[in-house]
Amino acid sequence: MLTVRRSKYFLDHETVWFASGDYDPKLYPAAVTYFRQHRLSIPRKFVMSSEPFSTLFLELSTGDLWKGLSWTTRYDINRGARDGIRFVESQKDTSSIVEFCQRHSIFRKAKDLSKTKAKSLGKSLLPRNKVLLPRDLEAVKAYWSLNSAFMKDIWLADLLVIHDDDRTRMWVITNNLEYNPRSIVGYASKSLVWRSICDAKRKGFAIYDFGGVILDENDPRYGVTRFKRSFGGYLVTEENSIVVCNPIFRAGYQIASRVRYTM
């Protein structure tokens, strides 16, 4: 389980990833708790809103993970190695974090991700404008890693993952959309994912979580799902829920929600 605490409007807010079991209010003392990808049994009266979240899980402890890759993904990873793509693990200093966030902002604008719902991509720690800010990474500094791919000295792609004690979760992939040939960028992205899977296995994590998939093949974002499915795994549905235990805060939250809805 991974927890991020913040204060907003003079109230404590928590974002809790990957919680499971029976809900105990004493374990979550914040006024508002946003449970991401949880499997908790929560009394209905505490739940302000809830929705299913579909993702892919890859079991890291069984079988040959390489054989689970699609033929094209194996080819792309091997091709990237032959072409000399190199990889660098980012340091968690301020300048590295700022540089990554700047690259992600450029990528997001180029792909017009501002029109894509954050809940569909699983980026729950992002602020409402969906821009990845340094403070988001600072909030979970002990629980993320960032690897980048380069061709010589030219940046090709980034892969940011977060984790708790049990699972590693893909969070953000950022690509250099100006680099040609674009196929090299594709090789770099797949190689980064494969390296993160192998790294998670080496570190003893049980699950690699691909961080959200679209089930509708007619959805224009389904290409991201196709990319993730090429690494294997199986479909899992968890829940995203906003929970307010205190009845006074709950009434205030409901009023505020109605006001936002009518504006």
Protein backbone atom coordinates (compact mmCIF):
# COMPACT_ATOMS: atom_id res chain seq x y z
CA MET A 1 0.00 0.00 0.00
CA LEU A 2 1.22 3.50 -0.89
CA THR A 3 -0.13 6.61 0.86
CA VAL A 4 0.23 10.29 -0.04
CA ARG A 5 -1.07 12.92 2.40
CA ARG A 6 -1.90 16.53 1.60
CA SER A 7 -3.88 19.41 3.06
CA LYS A 8 -6.53 21.09 0.93
CA TYR A 9 -9.14 23.63 1.96
CA PHE A 10 -7.96 23.23 5.57
CA LEU A 11 -8.73 19.49 5.45
CA ASP A 12 -6.38 16.53 5.32
CA HIS A 13 -6.61 14.48 2.14
CA GLU A 14 -5.05 11.10 1.49
CA THR A 15 -4.49 9.22 -1.73
CA VAL A 16 -4.06 5.52 -0.93
CA TRP A 17 -2.97 3.07 -3.61
CA PHE A 18 -3.54 -0.71 -3.63
CA ALA A 19 -5.39 -1.13 -0.31
CA SER A 20 -7.20 -4.41 0.32
CA GLY A 21 -9.10 -6.26 3.04
CA ASP A 22 -11.67 -4.88 5.47
CA TYR A 23 -11.97 -1.10 5.75
CA ASP A 24 -10.93 0.27 9.17
CA PRO A 25 -11.49 4.04 9.55
CA LYS A 26 -8.75 4.20 12.19
CA LEU A 27 -6.18 3.31 9.55
CA TYR A 28 -7.27 6.19 7.33
CA PRO A 29 -7.72 9.24 9.58
CA ALA A 30 -7.83 11.90 6.83
CA ALA A 31 -11.04 13.84 6.27
CA VAL A 32 -11.16 12.64 2.65
CA THR A 33 -9.47 9.50 1.36
CA TYR A 34 -9.10 8.72 -2.32
CA PHE A 35 -8.54 4.97 -2.69
CA ARG A 36 -6.87 4.10 -5.99
CA GLN A 37 -7.07 0.55 -7.34
CA HIS A 38 -8.33 -0.89 -4.09
CA ARG A 39 -10.00 -4.13 -3.04
CA LEU A 40 -11.43 -2.91 0.23
CA SER A 41 -14.79 -3.80 1.67
CA ILE A 42 -16.11 -0.30 2.52
CA PRO A 43 -19.54 0.46 4.04
CA ARG A 44 -21.63 2.10 1.36
CA LYS A 45 -22.55 5.13 3.49
CA PHE A 46 -18.87 6.21 3.58
CA VAL A 47 -18.42 6.09 -0.20
CA MET A 48 -18.97 9.39 -1.98
CA SER A 49 -18.20 8.01 -5.42
CA SER A 50 -16.73 4.84 -6.86
CA GLU A 51 -15.92 3.40 -10.27
CA PRO A 52 -14.23 0.27 -11.63
CA PHE A 53 -10.69 0.47 -12.90
CA SER A 54 -9.45 -2.09 -15.41
CA THR A 55 -5.77 -2.95 -15.67
CA LEU A 56 -3.44 -5.79 -16.61
CA PHE A 57 -1.48 -7.81 -14.06
CA LEU A 58 1.65 -9.77 -14.87
CA GLU A 59 2.67 -12.42 -12.34
CA LEU A 60 6.43 -12.09 -11.92
CA SER A 61 7.15 -15.30 -10.02
CA THR A 62 5.99 -17.88 -12.56
CA GLY A 63 7.03 -18.90 -16.04
CA ASP A 64 9.38 -17.45 -18.61
CA LEU A 65 8.39 -13.81 -18.94
CA TRP A 66 10.23 -13.47 -22.25
CA LYS A 67 8.07 -16.17 -23.82
CA GLY A 68 4.97 -14.28 -22.71
CA LEU A 69 5.87 -11.33 -24.96
CA SER A 70 4.34 -11.05 -28.40
CA TRP A 71 6.61 -11.83 -31.36
CA THR A 72 6.70 -8.18 -32.45
CA THR A 73 7.62 -6.98 -28.96
CA ARG A 74 10.49 -9.46 -28.71
CA TYR A 75 11.68 -8.29 -32.12
CA ASP A 76 11.48 -4.61 -31.15
CA ILE A 77 13.43 -5.15 -27.93
CA ASN A 78 16.15 -7.10 -29.76
CA ARG A 79 16.23 -4.49 -32.51
CA GLY A 80 16.69 -1.71 -29.99
CA ALA A 81 19.67 -3.54 -28.51
CA ARG A 82 21.23 -3.98 -31.96
CA ASP A 83 20.72 -0.30 -32.78
CA GLY A 84 22.61 0.75 -29.66
CA ILE A 85 19.85 2.25 -27.53
CA ARG A 86 21.26 2.95 -24.08
CA PHE A 87 19.44 3.37 -20.78
CA VAL A 88 19.97 5.68 -17.82
CA GLU A 89 18.32 5.54 -14.40
CA SER A 90 17.45 9.04 -13.26
CA GLN A 91 18.64 10.48 -9.99
CA LYS A 92 15.93 11.82 -7.69
CA ASP A 93 17.41 15.30 -7.44
CA THR A 94 15.38 18.43 -8.16
CA SER A 95 16.96 19.18 -11.54
CA SER A 96 16.27 15.66 -12.87
CA ILE A 97 12.66 15.77 -11.68
CA VAL A 98 12.08 19.19 -13.27
CA GLU A 99 13.65 18.09 -16.55
CA PHE A 100 11.43 15.00 -16.72
CA CYS A 101 8.28 16.99 -15.93
CA GLN A 102 9.15 19.45 -18.69
CA ARG A 103 9.57 16.63 -21.22
CA HIS A 104 6.28 15.11 -20.11
CA SER A 105 4.50 18.46 -20.49
CA ILE A 106 5.75 18.80 -24.08
CA PHE A 107 4.71 15.23 -24.87
CA ARG A 108 1.28 15.68 -23.30
CA LYS A 109 0.57 18.79 -25.34
CA ALA A 110 1.79 17.17 -28.56
CA LYS A 111 -0.46 14.15 -28.04
CA ASP A 112 -3.35 16.35 -26.90
CA LEU A 113 -3.67 14.33 -23.72
CA SER A 114 -5.51 17.21 -22.09
CA LYS A 115 -8.66 15.81 -23.76
CA THR A 116 -8.08 12.36 -22.31
CA LYS A 117 -9.66 11.55 -18.96
CA ALA A 118 -7.00 11.02 -16.31
CA LYS A 119 -9.07 8.26 -14.70
CA SER A 120 -8.81 6.19 -17.89
CA LEU A 121 -5.03 6.40 -17.84
CA GLY A 122 -4.79 5.84 -14.10
CA LYS A 123 -2.90 9.05 -13.22
CA SER A 124 -4.65 9.70 -9.95
CA LEU A 125 -1.90 11.76 -8.35
CA LEU A 126 -2.00 14.35 -11.11
CA PRO A 127 -3.73 17.65 -10.41
CA ARG A 128 -6.90 18.49 -12.28
CA ASN A 129 -5.10 20.13 -15.21
CA LYS A 130 -3.35 16.78 -15.72
CA VAL A 131 0.13 18.35 -15.82
CA LEU A 132 2.76 16.30 -14.03
CA LEU A 133 4.46 18.60 -11.55
CA PRO A 134 7.65 18.13 -9.51
CA ARG A 135 5.64 18.19 -6.27
CA ASP A 136 3.77 15.05 -7.38
CA LEU A 137 7.05 13.16 -7.59
CA GLU A 138 8.37 14.70 -4.39
CA ALA A 139 5.25 13.38 -2.61
CA VAL A 140 6.12 9.76 -3.43
CA LYS A 141 9.90 10.13 -3.72
CA ALA A 142 10.73 6.84 -2.03
CA TYR A 143 8.31 4.87 -4.18
CA TRP A 144 9.15 5.64 -7.81
CA SER A 145 11.89 5.08 -10.31
CA LEU A 146 12.54 6.71 -13.67
CA ASN A 147 14.51 5.23 -16.54
CA SER A 148 15.29 6.98 -19.82
CA ALA A 149 16.39 5.71 -23.21
CA PHE A 150 18.88 7.49 -25.47
CA MET A 151 20.35 7.08 -28.93
CA LYS A 152 23.86 8.39 -28.37
CA ASP A 153 23.10 11.68 -26.59
CA ILE A 154 19.57 12.13 -27.95
CA TRP A 155 16.71 11.44 -25.55
CA LEU A 156 14.10 8.98 -26.89
CA ALA A 157 11.75 7.96 -24.08
CA ASP A 158 11.05 7.94 -20.32
CA LEU A 159 9.29 5.37 -18.19
CA LEU A 160 8.15 6.29 -14.68
CA VAL A 161 6.95 3.53 -12.34
CA ILE A 162 5.65 3.60 -8.77
CA HIS A 163 5.52 0.73 -6.28
CA ASP A 164 4.53 -0.43 -2.84
CA ASP A 165 5.88 -3.55 -1.14
CA ASP A 166 4.06 -5.97 -3.45
CA ARG A 167 3.60 -4.48 -6.90
CA THR A 168 5.29 -2.26 -9.41
CA ARG A 169 2.94 -0.09 -11.47
CA MET A 170 3.57 1.62 -14.76
CA TRP A 171 2.70 5.28 -14.26
CA VAL A 172 3.89 7.43 -17.18
CA ILE A 173 5.55 6.80 -20.55
CA THR A 174 6.88 9.86 -22.37
CA ASN A 175 8.29 9.75 -25.92
CA ASN A 176 10.35 12.08 -28.09
CA LEU A 177 7.85 12.68 -30.89
CA GLU A 178 10.32 14.75 -32.92
CA TYR A 179 12.85 11.96 -33.37
CA ASN A 180 13.05 10.13 -36.70
CA PRO A 181 12.80 7.34 -37.52
CA ARG A 182 9.86 6.94 -35.17
CA SER A 183 10.37 3.18 -35.10
CA ILE A 184 13.47 3.74 -32.94
CA VAL A 185 11.31 5.52 -30.35
CA GLY A 186 8.98 2.52 -30.36
CA TYR A 187 11.90 0.16 -29.77
CA ALA A 188 13.03 2.39 -26.88
CA SER A 189 9.57 2.43 -25.23
CA LYS A 190 9.16 -1.33 -25.37
CA SER A 191 12.69 -1.87 -24.12
CA LEU A 192 12.07 0.43 -21.16
CA VAL A 193 8.94 -1.50 -20.19
CA TRP A 194 10.75 -4.83 -20.51
CA ARG A 195 13.64 -3.54 -18.38
CA SER A 196 11.19 -2.35 -15.72
CA ILE A 197 9.50 -5.77 -15.68
CA CYS A 198 12.85 -7.50 -15.24
CA ASP A 199 13.88 -5.01 -12.57
CA ALA A 200 10.63 -5.59 -10.65
CA LYS A 201 11.19 -9.35 -10.78
CA ARG A 202 14.80 -8.97 -9.62
CA LYS A 203 13.69 -6.86 -6.66
CA GLY A 204 11.16 -9.47 -5.58
CA PHE A 205 7.88 -7.79 -6.46
CA ALA A 206 5.00 -10.19 -7.05
CA ILE A 207 2.99 -8.18 -9.58
CA TYR A 208 3.71 -5.87 -12.49
CA ASP A 209 0.69 -3.61 -12.98
CA PHE A 210 0.37 -1.99 -16.42
CA GLY A 211 -1.66 0.87 -15.00
CA GLY A 212 -4.98 0.97 -16.77
CA VAL A 213 -6.44 -0.33 -20.02
CA ILE A 214 -9.29 0.58 -22.34
CA LEU A 215 -11.59 -2.36 -23.11
CA ASP A 216 -13.39 -0.82 -26.07
CA GLU A 217 -11.41 -1.67 -29.21
CA ASN A 218 -13.14 1.19 -31.04
CA ASP A 219 -11.86 3.75 -28.55
CA PRO A 220 -9.10 5.92 -30.12
CA ARG A 221 -6.93 5.24 -27.06
CA TYR A 222 -7.05 1.47 -27.53
CA GLY A 223 -3.59 1.55 -29.09
CA VAL A 224 -2.16 2.05 -25.59
CA THR A 225 -3.97 -1.11 -24.47
CA ARG A 226 -2.62 -3.02 -27.47
CA PHE A 227 0.89 -1.89 -26.51
CA LYS A 228 0.43 -3.13 -22.94
CA ARG A 229 -1.16 -6.44 -23.96
CA SER A 230 1.91 -7.25 -26.04
CA PHE A 231 3.79 -7.93 -22.78
CA GLY A 232 1.32 -10.56 -21.56
CA GLY A 233 -0.67 -10.41 -18.35
CA TYR A 234 -4.33 -10.86 -17.49
CA LEU A 235 -7.24 -8.49 -16.96
CA VAL A 236 -8.04 -7.33 -13.41
CA THR A 237 -10.73 -4.93 -12.23
CA GLU A 238 -10.23 -2.94 -9.04
CA GLU A 239 -12.03 0.15 -7.71
CA ASN A 240 -11.31 3.85 -7.44
CA SER A 241 -13.31 5.36 -4.56
CA ILE A 242 -13.59 8.61 -2.64
CA VAL A 243 -14.37 7.88 1.02
CA VAL A 244 -15.46 10.28 3.78
CA CYS A 245 -16.04 8.67 7.16
CA ASN A 246 -16.95 11.67 9.33
CA PRO A 247 -20.71 12.45 8.90
CA ILE A 248 -20.18 16.24 9.14
CA PHE A 249 -17.45 16.22 6.50
CA ARG A 250 -19.58 13.85 4.44
CA ALA A 251 -22.49 16.31 4.39
CA GLY A 252 -20.15 19.14 3.44
CA TYR A 253 -18.60 17.07 0.68
CA GLN A 254 -22.01 16.25 -0.75
CA ILE A 255 -23.01 19.93 -0.77
CA ALA A 256 -19.75 20.94 -2.43
CA SER A 257 -20.17 18.21 -5.04
CA ARG A 258 -23.67 19.43 -5.93
CA VAL A 259 -22.39 23.01 -6.26
CA ARG A 260 -19.59 21.92 -8.61
CA TYR A 261 -22.05 19.88 -10.66
CA THR A 262 -24.43 22.80 -11.20
CA MET A 263 -21.72 25.38 -12.04
